[in-house]
């Protein structure tokens, strides 16, 4: 018999607060945009994606495993994840405004 209950996700030992998660996810979204741009130009992006991701985790002084465990923990609280992603969107819009002078519609 399979249980429908989820196992409790414990708070990670190395815990990232919401502000840290916003910074990291923002960087990862910028990374994804760069990779998609390169891919649209017909370039191979596997190595680029890995290098950029490694650079992000190094800059934030953490491993992908630490980030993943924190992301898993935050995903158990949809309200907190919504707050994080709202903050990421606001940060990306601010960056775009600073770079281009305008904000494009994300849809």
Protein backbone atom coordinates (compact mmCIF):
# COMPACT_ATOMS: atom_id res chain seq x y z
CA UNK A 1 0.00 0.00 0.00
CA UNK A 2 1.34 3.43 -0.96
CA UNK A 3 0.86 6.30 1.45
CA UNK A 4 -0.24 9.69 0.16
CA UNK A 5 1.49 11.47 3.02
CA UNK A 6 4.63 13.37 2.26
CA UNK A 7 7.66 12.96 4.45
CA UNK A 8 8.45 16.02 6.54
CA UNK A 9 11.21 18.12 5.04
CA UNK A 10 13.62 19.20 7.74
CA UNK A 11 15.14 22.66 7.79
CA UNK A 12 18.61 22.41 6.22
CA UNK A 13 21.62 22.50 8.52
CA UNK A 14 23.11 25.29 6.39
CA UNK A 15 20.05 27.49 6.15
CA UNK A 16 19.65 30.27 3.58
CA UNK A 17 17.27 33.05 4.55
CA UNK A 18 14.73 34.43 2.09
CA UNK A 19 16.98 37.32 1.08
CA UNK A 20 19.81 34.93 0.22
CA UNK A 21 17.40 32.76 -1.78
CA UNK A 22 16.22 35.84 -3.70
CA UNK A 23 19.81 36.76 -4.58
CA UNK A 24 20.71 33.25 -5.72
CA UNK A 25 17.51 32.63 -7.69
CA UNK A 26 17.88 36.04 -9.36
CA UNK A 27 21.41 35.12 -10.44
CA UNK A 28 20.19 31.74 -11.69
CA UNK A 29 17.41 33.40 -13.71
CA UNK A 30 19.93 35.75 -15.33
CA UNK A 31 22.07 32.67 -16.06
CA UNK A 32 19.06 31.00 -17.71
CA UNK A 33 18.42 34.08 -19.84
CA UNK A 34 22.04 34.11 -21.04
CA UNK A 35 21.91 30.41 -21.88
CA UNK A 36 18.59 30.79 -23.75
CA UNK A 37 20.02 33.72 -25.72
CA UNK A 38 23.05 31.67 -26.73
CA UNK A 39 20.85 28.69 -27.60
CA UNK A 40 18.66 30.93 -29.80
CA UNK A 41 21.82 31.81 -31.73
CA UNK A 42 22.42 28.11 -32.39
CA UNK A 43 25.28 27.76 -29.95
CA UNK A 44 25.90 24.75 -27.72
CA UNK A 45 25.14 25.76 -24.16
CA UNK A 46 25.76 22.76 -21.88
CA UNK A 47 29.25 23.85 -20.84
CA UNK A 48 28.26 27.52 -20.58
CA UNK A 49 25.31 26.67 -18.34
CA UNK A 50 27.46 24.57 -16.03
CA UNK A 51 30.21 27.22 -15.84
CA UNK A 52 27.72 30.00 -15.08
CA UNK A 53 25.92 27.93 -12.45
CA UNK A 54 29.20 26.93 -10.79
CA UNK A 55 30.20 30.60 -10.79
CA UNK A 56 26.96 31.58 -9.07
CA UNK A 57 27.34 28.96 -6.35
CA UNK A 58 31.01 29.90 -5.84
CA UNK A 59 30.13 33.60 -5.58
CA UNK A 60 27.53 32.81 -2.93
CA UNK A 61 29.95 30.40 -1.21
CA UNK A 62 27.68 27.38 -1.31
CA UNK A 63 27.20 24.16 -3.20
CA UNK A 64 24.35 23.22 -5.49
CA UNK A 65 23.37 20.58 -2.92
CA UNK A 66 23.00 23.23 -0.20
CA UNK A 67 20.90 25.38 -2.52
CA UNK A 68 18.78 22.40 -3.57
CA UNK A 69 18.11 21.36 0.04
CA UNK A 70 17.04 24.91 0.90
CA UNK A 71 14.86 25.14 -2.19
CA UNK A 72 13.19 21.85 -1.25
CA UNK A 73 12.56 23.19 2.25
CA UNK A 74 11.07 26.49 0.96
CA UNK A 75 8.89 24.61 -1.53
CA UNK A 76 7.01 23.11 1.42
CA UNK A 77 5.69 26.61 2.17
CA UNK A 78 3.99 28.02 -0.95
CA UNK A 79 3.48 31.44 0.68
CA UNK A 80 7.20 31.85 1.34
CA UNK A 81 8.04 30.69 -2.20
CA UNK A 82 5.58 33.21 -3.61
CA UNK A 83 7.26 35.95 -1.58
CA UNK A 84 10.67 34.84 -2.82
CA UNK A 85 9.61 34.75 -6.47
CA UNK A 86 7.82 38.10 -6.19
CA UNK A 87 11.06 39.56 -4.84
CA UNK A 88 13.06 37.87 -7.63
CA UNK A 89 10.72 39.35 -10.25
CA UNK A 90 11.01 42.82 -8.69
CA UNK A 91 14.80 42.52 -8.61
CA UNK A 92 14.96 41.39 -12.25
CA UNK A 93 12.71 44.28 -13.27
CA UNK A 94 14.95 46.72 -11.39
CA UNK A 95 18.03 45.30 -13.12
CA UNK A 96 16.30 45.58 -16.51
CA UNK A 97 15.27 49.17 -15.78
CA UNK A 98 18.84 50.08 -14.82
CA UNK A 99 20.25 48.44 -17.98
CA UNK A 100 17.69 49.52 -20.57
CA UNK A 101 15.68 52.35 -19.06
CA UNK A 102 12.44 50.39 -19.43
CA UNK A 103 10.72 47.24 -18.22
CA UNK A 104 9.26 44.78 -20.72
CA UNK A 105 6.15 42.75 -19.99
CA UNK A 106 7.27 39.27 -18.80
CA UNK A 107 4.40 37.58 -20.65
